[in-house]
Amino acid sequence: MNYRRLGSAGLKVSELSLGAWVTYGGSVGDEGADACMTAAYDAGINFFDNAEGYARGNAETVMGSVIKKKGWRRSSLVISTKYYWGLGLGGPNDTGLSRKRLMEGIDGSLQRLQMDYVDLIFAHRPDVNTPIEETVRAMHDIVTSGRALYWGTSEWRAEQVMHAWGIAERYGLHKPQMEQPQYHMFHRERVEVEMERLYSEIGLGLTTWSPLASGLLSGKYNNGIPEGSRLAAQNMEWLRPDVLQPDRIEKVKKLVPISKDLGCTMSQLALAWILLNCNVSSVITGASRPEQVKENLGALDVVPKLAADVVERLEAVLANKPVLPRP
């Protein structure tokens, strides 16, 4: 396993990490989570991503139980969680990024995870109903209290991140250290263009999600929706129109021969492609079975194979490389 710094911070995270979204506490029970997390930990993955909103808190409970049962050294782990969506309780203060929500949120997460602190906390989405200064000060206080070590954002616009960073700079508060954006072969503009100057200007790190575009880049949807896949589930019907775009499916079919030439799976190729971006600190992967964890780990062996000529072949198929604006 290779490790990268979280932007300009001294903290090092594994290039591939394991996330709990749509699996732990929901479709994957305690035994499945145990098997996947153990496979990841044994391979050197140290970063495990979560959120209070995943399975309404159950994902945190499951992850915390596995870690406690395994007796893994806490300092060997990087644990994250996120706030905005809440636990689905429906009250007027049960969502968002107000001081009340964040303070109650971190206390609830630590209880479910059975930990004294988490390493990373994220503002899971921007909150237009809460002043950014209120959110920044609450995040600062959580970090100062030792309940979290770094804070950042997820799916914020570059100007919103800079606004928060500027407030923290002005008042001597802990600054946002990382952003968690969606990033894959079909979703590139935010990471490659919009956020580009933030990597050098403020040392922003990235922990990216949805590397396989909800499974599309694995190639499993090339000929329809297979039984037992994520999109086959009734509660995932809302995701199908966004994922199953005909033009994208045709491009995935054209990428398959490239993966075969490299001797890897489509999933491994898609993950390796993201790791070529030096601004990405860690790629968050998902898995419901340990076999999927092991397959994803194979992407690390594919990265050195992505020479310039191979990347040119990929770009010719994708035909979506963003163009940086002129300085």
C-alpha atoms as a PDB file:
ATOM      1  CA  MET A   1       0.000   0.000   0.000  1.00  0.00           C
ATOM      2  CA  ASN A   2       1.139   3.515  -0.782  1.00  0.00           C
ATOM      3  CA  TYR A   3       0.253   6.514   1.361  1.00  0.00           C
ATOM      4  CA  ARG A   4      -0.251  10.156   0.437  1.00  0.00           C
ATOM      5  CA  ARG A   5      -0.381  13.323   2.494  1.00  0.00           C
ATOM      6  CA  LEU A   6      -3.789  14.850   3.025  1.00  0.00           C
ATOM      7  CA  GLY A   7      -3.026  17.945   1.012  1.00  0.00           C
ATOM      8  CA  SER A   8      -0.543  20.099   2.917  1.00  0.00           C
ATOM      9  CA  ALA A   9      -1.233  18.325   6.234  1.00  0.00           C
ATOM     10  CA  GLY A  10       1.232  15.927   7.805  1.00  0.00           C
ATOM     11  CA  LEU A  11      -1.425  13.212   8.001  1.00  0.00           C
ATOM     12  CA  LYS A  12      -0.925  10.296   5.599  1.00  0.00           C
ATOM     13  CA  VAL A  13      -3.819   8.287   4.195  1.00  0.00           C
ATOM     14  CA  SER A  14      -3.801   5.134   2.104  1.00  0.00           C
ATOM     15  CA  GLU A  15      -4.198   5.727  -1.637  1.00  0.00           C
ATOM     16  CA  LEU A  16      -7.264   3.502  -1.566  1.00  0.00           C
ATOM     17  CA  SER A  17      -9.719   3.738   1.310  1.00  0.00           C
ATOM     18  CA  LEU A  18     -12.941   1.954   2.264  1.00  0.00           C
ATOM     19  CA  GLY A  19     -16.253   3.736   2.631  1.00  0.00           C
ATOM     20  CA  ALA A  20     -19.501   2.689   4.316  1.00  0.00           C
ATOM     21  CA  TRP A  21     -22.075   4.360   2.048  1.00  0.00           C
ATOM     22  CA  VAL A  22     -25.070   2.184   0.934  1.00  0.00           C
ATOM     23  CA  THR A  23     -23.499  -0.880   2.542  1.00  0.00           C
ATOM     24  CA  TYR A  24     -22.728  -1.023   6.260  1.00  0.00           C
ATOM     25  CA  GLY A  25     -25.750  -0.995   8.484  1.00  0.00           C
ATOM     26  CA  GLY A  26     -27.948  -1.483   5.430  1.00  0.00           C
ATOM     27  CA  SER A  27     -27.393  -4.053   2.687  1.00  0.00           C
ATOM     28  CA  VAL A  28     -24.270  -5.393   4.412  1.00  0.00           C
ATOM     29  CA  GLY A  29     -24.506  -6.696   7.967  1.00  0.00           C
ATOM     30  CA  ASP A  30     -21.912  -6.934  10.696  1.00  0.00           C
ATOM     31  CA  GLU A  31     -20.241 -10.070   9.331  1.00  0.00           C
ATOM     32  CA  GLY A  32     -19.919  -8.644   5.833  1.00  0.00           C
ATOM     33  CA  ALA A  33     -18.536  -5.377   7.134  1.00  0.00           C
ATOM     34  CA  ASP A  34     -16.073  -7.287   9.303  1.00  0.00           C
ATOM     35  CA  ALA A  35     -14.841  -9.312   6.319  1.00  0.00           C
ATOM     36  CA  CYS A  36     -14.438  -6.265   4.046  1.00  0.00           C
ATOM     37  CA  MET A  37     -12.775  -4.093   6.664  1.00  0.00           C
ATOM     38  CA  THR A  38     -10.419  -6.897   7.668  1.00  0.00           C
ATOM     39  CA  ALA A  39      -9.385  -7.488   4.045  1.00  0.00           C
ATOM     40  CA  ALA A  40      -8.752  -3.747   3.676  1.00  0.00           C
ATOM     41  CA  TYR A  41      -6.857  -3.389   6.956  1.00  0.00           C
ATOM     42  CA  ASP A  42      -4.691  -6.438   6.277  1.00  0.00           C
ATOM     43  CA  ALA A  43      -3.740  -4.919   2.907  1.00  0.00           C
ATOM     44  CA  GLY A  44      -2.604  -1.683   4.525  1.00  0.00           C
ATOM     45  CA  ILE A  45      -5.686   0.503   4.087  1.00  0.00           C
ATOM     46  CA  ASN A  46      -5.767   2.885   7.038  1.00  0.00           C
ATOM     47  CA  PHE A  47      -8.572   5.267   6.016  1.00  0.00           C
ATOM     48  CA  PHE A  48     -12.193   4.265   6.647  1.00  0.00           C
ATOM     49  CA  ASP A  49     -14.876   6.753   5.602  1.00  0.00           C
ATOM     50  CA  ASN A  50     -18.329   7.150   7.144  1.00  0.00           C
ATOM     51  CA  ALA A  51     -21.134   9.657   7.770  1.00  0.00           C
ATOM     52  CA  GLU A  52     -23.847  10.049  10.359  1.00  0.00           C
ATOM     53  CA  GLY A  53     -26.420   9.923   7.572  1.00  0.00           C
ATOM     54  CA  TYR A  54     -25.326   6.518   6.272  1.00  0.00           C
ATOM     55  CA  ALA A  55     -28.076   4.071   7.265  1.00  0.00           C
ATOM     56  CA  ARG A  56     -29.226   6.708   9.772  1.00  0.00           C
ATOM     57  CA  GLY A  57     -26.219   6.203  12.004  1.00  0.00           C
ATOM     58  CA  ASN A  58     -26.121   2.423  11.738  1.00  0.00           C
ATOM     59  CA  ALA A  59     -23.061   2.509   9.474  1.00  0.00           C
ATOM     60  CA  GLU A  60     -21.093   4.219  12.224  1.00  0.00           C
ATOM     61  CA  THR A  61     -22.334   1.683  14.763  1.00  0.00           C
ATOM     62  CA  VAL A  62     -21.292  -1.250  12.594  1.00  0.00           C
ATOM     63  CA  MET A  63     -17.876   0.213  11.790  1.00  0.00           C
ATOM     64  CA  GLY A  64     -17.177   1.047  15.404  1.00  0.00           C
ATOM     65  CA  SER A  65     -18.177  -2.435  16.526  1.00  0.00           C
ATOM     66  CA  VAL A  66     -15.847  -4.088  14.016  1.00  0.00           C
ATOM     67  CA  ILE A  67     -12.901  -1.933  15.054  1.00  0.00           C
ATOM     68  CA  LYS A  68     -13.515  -2.581  18.733  1.00  0.00           C
ATOM     69  CA  LYS A  69     -13.910  -6.333  18.213  1.00  0.00           C
ATOM     70  CA  LYS A  70     -10.748  -6.527  16.140  1.00  0.00           C
ATOM     71  CA  GLY A  71      -8.763  -4.566  18.687  1.00  0.00           C
ATOM     72  CA  TRP A  72      -7.022  -2.559  16.005  1.00  0.00           C
ATOM     73  CA  ARG A  73      -4.673   0.100  17.318  1.00  0.00           C
ATOM     74  CA  ARG A  74      -6.627   3.353  17.136  1.00  0.00           C
ATOM     75  CA  SER A  75      -3.595   5.401  16.105  1.00  0.00           C
ATOM     76  CA  SER A  76      -3.120   3.127  13.073  1.00  0.00           C
ATOM     77  CA  LEU A  77      -6.498   4.223  11.677  1.00  0.00           C
ATOM     78  CA  VAL A  78      -7.846   7.336  10.001  1.00  0.00           C
ATOM     79  CA  ILE A  79     -11.598   7.502  10.625  1.00  0.00           C
ATOM     80  CA  SER A  80     -13.896  10.086   9.082  1.00  0.00           C
ATOM     81  CA  THR A  81     -17.518  11.056   9.385  1.00  0.00           C
ATOM     82  CA  LYS A  82     -19.721  13.742   7.869  1.00  0.00           C
ATOM     83  CA  TYR A  83     -22.571  16.048   8.861  1.00  0.00           C
ATOM     84  CA  TYR A  84     -25.481  17.690   7.084  1.00  0.00           C
ATOM     85  CA  TRP A  85     -28.202  15.126   6.410  1.00  0.00           C
ATOM     86  CA  GLY A  86     -28.679  14.107  10.038  1.00  0.00           C
ATOM     87  CA  LEU A  87     -30.284  10.839  11.151  1.00  0.00           C
ATOM     88  CA  GLY A  88     -33.611  11.300   9.408  1.00  0.00           C
ATOM     89  CA  LEU A  89     -35.387  12.494  12.545  1.00  0.00           C
ATOM     90  CA  GLY A  90     -37.277  15.253  10.761  1.00  0.00           C
ATOM     91  CA  GLY A  91     -36.935  18.091  13.269  1.00  0.00           C
ATOM     92  CA  PRO A  92     -36.089  21.682  12.230  1.00  0.00           C
ATOM     93  CA  ASN A  93     -32.588  21.404  13.721  1.00  0.00           C
ATOM     94  CA  ASP A  94     -31.878  17.800  12.732  1.00  0.00           C
ATOM     95  CA  THR A  95     -30.162  18.695   9.444  1.00  0.00           C
ATOM     96  CA  GLY A  96     -27.734  21.344   8.259  1.00  0.00           C
ATOM     97  CA  LEU A  97     -24.493  22.810   9.539  1.00  0.00           C
ATOM     98  CA  SER A  98     -25.607  24.964  12.463  1.00  0.00           C
ATOM     99  CA  ARG A  99     -23.509  25.011  15.610  1.00  0.00           C
ATOM    100  CA  LYS A 100     -26.200  22.996  17.395  1.00  0.00           C
ATOM    101  CA  ARG A 101     -26.299  20.305  14.659  1.00  0.00           C
ATOM    102  CA  LEU A 102     -22.525  19.973  14.474  1.00  0.00           C
ATOM    103  CA  MET A 103     -21.954  19.813  18.226  1.00  0.00           C
ATOM    104  CA  GLU A 104     -24.695  17.254  18.725  1.00  0.00           C
ATOM    105  CA  GLY A 105     -23.582  15.426  15.602  1.00  0.00           C
ATOM    106  CA  ILE A 106     -19.993  14.841  16.694  1.00  0.00           C
ATOM    107  CA  ASP A 107     -21.096  13.633  20.135  1.00  0.00           C
ATOM    108  CA  GLY A 108     -23.513  11.172  18.556  1.00  0.00           C
ATOM    109  CA  SER A 109     -20.906   9.869  16.118  1.00  0.00           C
ATOM    110  CA  LEU A 110     -18.331   9.270  18.832  1.00  0.00           C
ATOM    111  CA  GLN A 111     -20.881   7.357  20.852  1.00  0.00           C
ATOM    112  CA  ARG A 112     -21.858   5.149  17.903  1.00  0.00           C
ATOM    113  CA  LEU A 113     -18.248   4.613  16.823  1.00  0.00           C
ATOM    114  CA  GLN A 114     -17.177   3.962  20.420  1.00  0.00           C
ATOM    115  CA  MET A 115     -14.248   6.341  20.020  1.00  0.00           C
ATOM    116  CA  ASP A 116     -12.847   9.359  21.802  1.00  0.00           C
ATOM    117  CA  TYR A 117     -12.168  11.187  18.538  1.00  0.00           C
ATOM    118  CA  VAL A 118     -12.392  10.909  14.770  1.00  0.00           C
ATOM    119  CA  ASP A 119      -9.581  12.007  12.508  1.00  0.00           C
ATOM    120  CA  LEU A 120     -11.615  13.810   9.847  1.00  0.00           C
ATOM    121  CA  ILE A 121     -14.997  15.528   9.881  1.00  0.00           C
ATOM    122  CA  PHE A 122     -16.681  16.872   6.778  1.00  0.00           C
ATOM    123  CA  ALA A 123     -19.437  19.369   6.138  1.00  0.00           C
ATOM    124  CA  HIS A 124     -21.337  16.922   3.916  1.00  0.00           C
ATOM    125  CA  ARG A 125     -22.976  19.617   1.766  1.00  0.00           C
ATOM    126  CA  PRO A 126     -23.141  23.425   1.836  1.00  0.00           C
ATOM    127  CA  ASP A 127     -25.883  24.816   4.061  1.00  0.00           C
ATOM    128  CA  VAL A 128     -27.455  27.957   2.590  1.00  0.00           C
ATOM    129  CA  ASN A 129     -29.445  28.498   5.805  1.00  0.00           C
ATOM    130  CA  THR A 130     -26.408  28.754   8.083  1.00  0.00           C
ATOM    131  CA  PRO A 131     -23.768  31.503   7.847  1.00  0.00           C
ATOM    132  CA  ILE A 132     -20.443  29.984   6.817  1.00  0.00           C
ATOM    133  CA  GLU A 133     -18.774  31.749   9.748  1.00  0.00           C
ATOM    134  CA  GLU A 134     -21.016  29.865  12.176  1.00  0.00           C
ATOM    135  CA  THR A 135     -20.027  26.560  10.576  1.00  0.00           C
ATOM    136  CA  VAL A 136     -16.326  27.452  10.518  1.00  0.00           C
ATOM    137  CA  ARG A 137     -16.314  28.451  14.188  1.00  0.00           C
ATOM    138  CA  ALA A 138     -18.168  25.271  15.202  1.00  0.00           C
ATOM    139  CA  MET A 139     -15.736  23.118  13.231  1.00  0.00           C
ATOM    140  CA  HIS A 140     -12.837  24.996  14.827  1.00  0.00           C
ATOM    141  CA  ASP A 141     -14.209  24.356  18.302  1.00  0.00           C
ATOM    142  CA  ILE A 142     -14.697  20.645  17.605  1.00  0.00           C
ATOM    143  CA  VAL A 143     -11.083  20.348  16.437  1.00  0.00           C
ATOM    144  CA  THR A 144      -9.816  22.428  19.349  1.00  0.00           C
ATOM    145  CA  SER A 145     -11.687  20.159  21.768  1.00  0.00           C
ATOM    146  CA  GLY A 146      -9.870  17.123  20.350  1.00  0.00           C
ATOM    147  CA  ARG A 147     -13.049  15.381  19.203  1.00  0.00           C
ATOM    148  CA  ALA A 148     -11.752  15.628  15.622  1.00  0.00           C
ATOM    149  CA  LEU A 149      -8.284  16.350  14.245  1.00  0.00           C
ATOM    150  CA  TYR A 150      -9.042  17.951  10.862  1.00  0.00           C
ATOM    151  CA  TRP A 151     -12.141  19.327   9.204  1.00  0.00           C
ATOM    152  CA  GLY A 152     -13.142  19.756   5.606  1.00  0.00           C
ATOM    153  CA  THR A 153     -16.002  19.885   3.141  1.00  0.00           C
ATOM    154  CA  SER A 154     -17.808  17.604   0.714  1.00  0.00           C
ATOM    155  CA  GLU A 155     -19.343  18.722  -2.566  1.00  0.00           C
ATOM    156  CA  TRP A 156     -18.699  22.397  -1.871  1.00  0.00           C
ATOM    157  CA  ARG A 157     -17.921  24.798  -4.691  1.00  0.00           C
ATOM    158  CA  ALA A 158     -14.409  26.200  -4.840  1.00  0.00           C
ATOM    159  CA  GLU A 159     -15.607  29.686  -3.910  1.00  0.00           C
ATOM    160  CA  GLN A 160     -17.414  28.288  -0.858  1.00  0.00           C
ATOM    161  CA  VAL A 161     -14.279  26.483   0.313  1.00  0.00           C
ATOM    162  CA  MET A 162     -12.263  29.676  -0.183  1.00  0.00           C
ATOM    163  CA  HIS A 163     -14.873  31.682   1.718  1.00  0.00           C
ATOM    164  CA  ALA A 164     -14.594  29.305   4.676  1.00  0.00           C
ATOM    165  CA  TRP A 165     -10.797  29.283   4.451  1.00  0.00           C
ATOM    166  CA  GLY A 166     -10.739  33.082   4.360  1.00  0.00           C
ATOM    167  CA  ILE A 167     -12.872  33.364   7.510  1.00  0.00           C
ATOM    168  CA  ALA A 168     -10.592  30.914   9.310  1.00  0.00           C
ATOM    169  CA  GLU A 169      -7.514  32.828   8.146  1.00  0.00           C
ATOM    170  CA  ARG A 170      -8.961  36.151   9.285  1.00  0.00           C
ATOM    171  CA  TYR A 171      -9.848  34.993  12.793  1.00  0.00           C
ATOM    172  CA  GLY A 172      -7.049  32.495  13.429  1.00  0.00           C
ATOM    173  CA  LEU A 173      -9.336  29.436  13.283  1.00  0.00           C
ATOM    174  CA  HIS A 174      -8.643  25.900  12.082  1.00  0.00           C
ATOM    175  CA  LYS A 175      -8.925  25.940   8.292  1.00  0.00           C
ATOM    176  CA  PRO A 176     -10.671  23.404   6.044  1.00  0.00           C
ATOM    177  CA  GLN A 177      -7.990  20.875   5.079  1.00  0.00           C
ATOM    178  CA  MET A 178      -9.765  18.596   2.617  1.00  0.00           C
ATOM    179  CA  GLU A 179     -12.683  18.329   0.197  1.00  0.00           C
ATOM    180  CA  GLN A 180     -14.584  15.155  -0.707  1.00  0.00           C
ATOM    181  CA  PRO A 181     -15.873  15.508  -4.269  1.00  0.00           C
ATOM    182  CA  GLN A 182     -17.284  13.013  -6.707  1.00  0.00           C
ATOM    183  CA  TYR A 183     -14.557  12.122  -9.200  1.00  0.00           C
ATOM    184  CA  HIS A 184     -14.399   9.536 -11.960  1.00  0.00           C
ATOM    185  CA  MET A 185     -13.821   9.285 -15.703  1.00  0.00           C
ATOM    186  CA  PHE A 186     -17.185  10.895 -16.461  1.00  0.00           C
ATOM    187  CA  HIS A 187     -17.155  13.567 -13.741  1.00  0.00           C
ATOM    188  CA  ARG A 188     -13.985  15.647 -13.994  1.00  0.00           C
ATOM    189  CA  GLU A 189     -14.645  19.401 -14.090  1.00  0.00           C
ATOM    190  CA  ARG A 190     -14.855  20.012 -10.328  1.00  0.00           C
ATOM    191  CA  VAL A 191     -11.565  18.277  -9.501  1.00  0.00           C
ATOM    192  CA  GLU A 192      -9.516  19.075 -12.587  1.00  0.00           C
ATOM    193  CA  VAL A 193     -10.583  22.674 -13.220  1.00  0.00           C
ATOM    194  CA  GLU A 194     -12.702  24.339 -10.531  1.00  0.00           C
ATOM    195  CA  MET A 195     -10.625  23.215  -7.534  1.00  0.00           C
ATOM    196  CA  GLU A 196      -7.285  23.241  -9.344  1.00  0.00           C
ATOM    197  CA  ARG A 197      -5.834  26.416  -7.824  1.00  0.00           C
ATOM    198  CA  LEU A 198      -6.823  25.409  -4.279  1.00  0.00           C
ATOM    199  CA  TYR A 199      -4.314  22.562  -4.188  1.00  0.00           C
ATOM    200  CA  SER A 200      -1.343  24.900  -4.341  1.00  0.00           C
ATOM    201  CA  GLU A 201      -2.886  28.052  -2.839  1.00  0.00           C
ATOM    202  CA  ILE A 202      -4.320  26.580   0.367  1.00  0.00           C
ATOM    203  CA  GLY A 203      -2.966  23.008   0.372  1.00  0.00           C
ATOM    204  CA  LEU A 204      -6.360  21.361  -0.093  1.00  0.00           C
ATOM    205  CA  GLY A 205      -6.396  17.554  -0.072  1.00  0.00           C
ATOM    206  CA  LEU A 206      -8.978  15.359  -1.818  1.00  0.00           C
ATOM    207  CA  THR A 207     -10.686  12.179  -0.655  1.00  0.00           C
ATOM    208  CA  THR A 208     -12.767  11.368  -3.718  1.00  0.00           C
ATOM    209  CA  TRP A 209     -15.929   9.265  -3.914  1.00  0.00           C
ATOM    210  CA  SER A 210     -17.843   7.270  -6.562  1.00  0.00           C
ATOM    211  CA  PRO A 211     -14.721   6.205  -8.504  1.00  0.00           C
ATOM    212  CA  LEU A 212     -16.725   3.651 -10.521  1.00  0.00           C
ATOM    213  CA  ALA A 213     -19.653   5.994 -11.256  1.00  0.00           C
ATOM    214  CA  SER A 214     -22.013   3.879  -9.146  1.00  0.00           C
ATOM    215  CA  GLY A 215     -20.706   0.710 -10.766  1.00  0.00           C
ATOM    216  CA  LEU A 216     -20.982   1.831 -14.397  1.00  0.00           C
ATOM    217  CA  LEU A 217     -17.206   1.843 -14.884  1.00  0.00           C
ATOM    218  CA  SER A 218     -16.952  -1.742 -13.692  1.00  0.00           C
ATOM    219  CA  GLY A 219     -18.620  -2.730 -16.957  1.00  0.00           C
ATOM    220  CA  LYS A 220     -21.332  -4.739 -15.228  1.00  0.00           C
ATOM    221  CA  TYR A 221     -24.105  -2.625 -16.768  1.00  0.00           C
ATOM    222  CA  ASN A 222     -22.852  -2.934 -20.348  1.00  0.00           C
ATOM    223  CA  ASN A 223     -25.634  -5.374 -21.199  1.00  0.00           C
ATOM    224  CA  GLY A 224     -28.393  -4.362 -18.806  1.00  0.00           C
ATOM    225  CA  ILE A 225     -28.907  -4.483 -15.048  1.00  0.00           C
ATOM    226  CA  PRO A 226     -27.708  -7.799 -13.592  1.00  0.00           C
ATOM    227  CA  GLU A 227     -29.610  -9.386 -10.732  1.00  0.00           C
ATOM    228  CA  GLY A 228     -28.107  -8.589  -7.347  1.00  0.00           C
ATOM    229  CA  SER A 229     -26.395  -5.398  -8.520  1.00  0.00           C
ATOM    230  CA  ARG A 230     -26.885  -2.063  -6.777  1.00  0.00           C
ATOM    231  CA  LEU A 231     -29.169  -0.680  -9.483  1.00  0.00           C
ATOM    232  CA  ALA A 232     -31.332  -3.805  -9.323  1.00  0.00           C
ATOM    233  CA  ALA A 233     -32.456  -2.864  -5.820  1.00  0.00           C
ATOM    234  CA  GLN A 234     -35.840  -1.154  -5.606  1.00  0.00           C
ATOM    235  CA  ASN A 235     -34.550   1.586  -3.332  1.00  0.00           C
ATOM    236  CA  MET A 236     -31.962   2.518  -5.986  1.00  0.00           C
ATOM    237  CA  GLU A 237     -34.397   3.177  -8.830  1.00  0.00           C
ATOM    238  CA  TRP A 238     -33.789   6.910  -8.454  1.00  0.00           C
ATOM    239  CA  LEU A 239     -30.138   6.415  -9.402  1.00  0.00           C
ATOM    240  CA  ARG A 240     -30.696   4.538 -12.658  1.00  0.00           C
ATOM    241  CA  PRO A 241     -31.308   7.493 -15.042  1.00  0.00           C
ATOM    242  CA  ASP A 242     -28.125   9.230 -13.901  1.00  0.00           C
ATOM    243  CA  VAL A 243     -25.962   6.101 -14.136  1.00  0.00           C
ATOM    244  CA  LEU A 244     -27.346   4.305 -17.185  1.00  0.00           C
ATOM    245  CA  GLN A 245     -26.679   6.987 -19.769  1.00  0.00           C
ATOM    246  CA  PRO A 246     -26.393   5.329 -23.205  1.00  0.00           C
ATOM    247  CA  ASP A 247     -23.406   7.398 -24.366  1.00  0.00           C
ATOM    248  CA  ARG A 248     -21.466   6.524 -21.223  1.00  0.00           C
ATOM    249  CA  ILE A 249     -22.252   2.818 -21.569  1.00  0.00           C
ATOM    250  CA  GLU A 250     -20.906   2.909 -25.133  1.00  0.00           C
ATOM    251  CA  LYS A 251     -17.696   4.514 -23.910  1.00  0.00           C
ATOM    252  CA  VAL A 252     -17.270   1.871 -21.203  1.00  0.00           C
ATOM    253  CA  LYS A 253     -17.617  -0.815 -23.869  1.00  0.00           C
ATOM    254  CA  LYS A 254     -14.796   0.865 -25.807  1.00  0.00           C
ATOM    255  CA  LEU A 255     -12.630   1.002 -22.669  1.00  0.00           C
ATOM    256  CA  VAL A 256     -12.908  -2.749 -22.083  1.00  0.00           C
ATOM    257  CA  PRO A 257     -10.304  -3.665 -24.750  1.00  0.00           C
ATOM    258  CA  ILE A 258      -7.825  -1.269 -23.129  1.00  0.00           C
ATOM    259  CA  SER A 259      -8.289  -2.930 -19.750  1.00  0.00           C
ATOM    260  CA  LYS A 260      -7.795  -6.335 -21.368  1.00  0.00           C
ATOM    261  CA  ASP A 261      -4.576  -5.146 -22.997  1.00  0.00           C
ATOM    262  CA  LEU A 262      -3.353  -4.089 -19.560  1.00  0.00           C
ATOM    263  CA  GLY A 263      -4.396  -7.388 -18.004  1.00  0.00           C
ATOM    264  CA  CYS A 264      -6.768  -5.797 -15.504  1.00  0.00           C
ATOM    265  CA  THR A 265     -10.474  -5.404 -14.851  1.00  0.00           C
ATOM    266  CA  MET A 266     -12.417  -2.283 -15.762  1.00  0.00           C
ATOM    267  CA  SER A 267     -12.779  -1.436 -12.070  1.00  0.00           C
ATOM    268  CA  GLN A 268      -9.017  -1.582 -11.600  1.00  0.00           C
ATOM    269  CA  LEU A 269      -8.465   0.604 -14.650  1.00  0.00           C
ATOM    270  CA  ALA A 270     -10.956   3.217 -13.425  1.00  0.00           C
ATOM    271  CA  LEU A 271      -9.343   3.354  -9.978  1.00  0.00           C
ATOM    272  CA  ALA A 272      -5.809   3.491 -11.367  1.00  0.00           C
ATOM    273  CA  TRP A 273      -6.804   6.376 -13.654  1.00  0.00           C
ATOM    274  CA  ILE A 274      -7.868   8.444 -10.627  1.00  0.00           C
ATOM    275  CA  LEU A 275      -4.611   7.664  -8.815  1.00  0.00           C
ATOM    276  CA  LEU A 276      -2.696   9.287 -11.675  1.00  0.00           C
ATOM    277  CA  ASN A 277      -3.967  12.602 -10.312  1.00  0.00           C
ATOM    278  CA  CYS A 278      -1.384  13.674  -7.734  1.00  0.00           C
ATOM    279  CA  ASN A 279      -3.901  16.021  -6.090  1.00  0.00           C
ATOM    280  CA  VAL A 280      -6.027  13.061  -4.969  1.00  0.00           C
ATOM    281  CA  SER A 281      -5.023  12.012  -1.458  1.00  0.00           C
ATOM    282  CA  SER A 282      -7.233   8.917  -1.303  1.00  0.00           C
ATOM    283  CA  VAL A 283      -9.837   7.197  -3.481  1.00  0.00           C
ATOM    284  CA  ILE A 284     -12.798   5.994  -1.420  1.00  0.00           C
ATOM    285  CA  THR A 285     -13.961   2.591  -2.611  1.00  0.00           C
ATOM    286  CA  GLY A 286     -17.019   0.588  -1.648  1.00  0.00           C
ATOM    287  CA  ALA A 287     -17.364  -3.150  -1.215  1.00  0.00           C
ATOM    288  CA  SER A 288     -19.979  -5.616  -0.016  1.00  0.00           C
ATOM    289  CA  ARG A 289     -17.658  -8.628  -0.241  1.00  0.00           C
ATOM    290  CA  PRO A 290     -13.953  -9.066   0.597  1.00  0.00           C
ATOM    291  CA  GLU A 291     -13.374 -10.268  -2.970  1.00  0.00           C
ATOM    292  CA  GLN A 292     -14.322  -6.802  -4.184  1.00  0.00           C
ATOM    293  CA  VAL A 293     -11.818  -5.246  -1.782  1.00  0.00           C
ATOM    294  CA  LYS A 294      -9.073  -7.471  -3.144  1.00  0.00           C
ATOM    295  CA  GLU A 295     -10.014  -6.688  -6.747  1.00  0.00           C
ATOM    296  CA  ASN A 296      -9.909  -2.954  -6.022  1.00  0.00           C
ATOM    297  CA  LEU A 297      -6.487  -3.310  -4.452  1.00  0.00           C
ATOM    298  CA  GLY A 298      -5.238  -4.672  -7.770  1.00  0.00           C
ATOM    299  CA  ALA A 299      -5.545  -1.145  -9.154  1.00  0.00           C
ATOM    300  CA  LEU A 300      -2.298  -0.264  -7.392  1.00  0.00           C
ATOM    301  CA  ASP A 301      -0.444  -2.573  -9.801  1.00  0.00           C
ATOM    302  CA  VAL A 302      -2.117  -0.969 -12.812  1.00  0.00           C
ATOM    303  CA  VAL A 303      -1.015   2.613 -12.129  1.00  0.00           C
ATOM    304  CA  PRO A 304       2.572   2.066 -13.407  1.00  0.00           C
ATOM    305  CA  LYS A 305       1.118   0.614 -16.623  1.00  0.00           C
ATOM    306  CA  LEU A 306      -0.713   3.856 -17.467  1.00  0.00           C
ATOM    307  CA  ALA A 307       2.025   5.312 -19.665  1.00  0.00           C
ATOM    308  CA  ALA A 308       1.419   8.375 -21.824  1.00  0.00           C
ATOM    309  CA  ASP A 309       0.314   6.337 -24.840  1.00  0.00           C
ATOM    310  CA  VAL A 310      -2.216   4.407 -22.743  1.00  0.00           C
ATOM    311  CA  VAL A 311      -3.603   7.630 -21.285  1.00  0.00           C
ATOM    312  CA  GLU A 312      -3.961   8.988 -24.824  1.00  0.00           C
ATOM    313  CA  ARG A 313      -6.026   5.932 -25.763  1.00  0.00           C
ATOM    314  CA  LEU A 314      -8.242   6.483 -22.720  1.00  0.00           C
ATOM    315  CA  GLU A 315      -8.719  10.172 -23.460  1.00  0.00           C
ATOM    316  CA  ALA A 316      -9.583   9.409 -27.084  1.00  0.00           C
ATOM    317  CA  VAL A 317     -12.463   7.225 -25.880  1.00  0.00           C
ATOM    318  CA  LEU A 318     -13.620   9.524 -23.082  1.00  0.00           C
ATOM    319  CA  ALA A 319     -13.387  12.697 -25.200  1.00  0.00           C
ATOM    320  CA  ASN A 320     -14.172  14.827 -22.145  1.00  0.00           C
ATOM    321  CA  LYS A 321     -10.858  16.175 -20.879  1.00  0.00           C
ATOM    322  CA  PRO A 322     -11.528  19.548 -19.247  1.00  0.00           C
ATOM    323  CA  VAL A 323      -9.635  22.577 -20.509  1.00  0.00           C
ATOM    324  CA  LEU A 324      -8.047  24.801 -17.900  1.00  0.00           C
ATOM    325  CA  PRO A 325      -8.848  28.506 -18.333  1.00  0.00           C
ATOM    326  CA  ARG A 326      -6.037  30.731 -19.462  1.00  0.00           C
ATOM    327  CA  PRO A 327      -4.261  32.538 -16.580  1.00  0.00           C
END
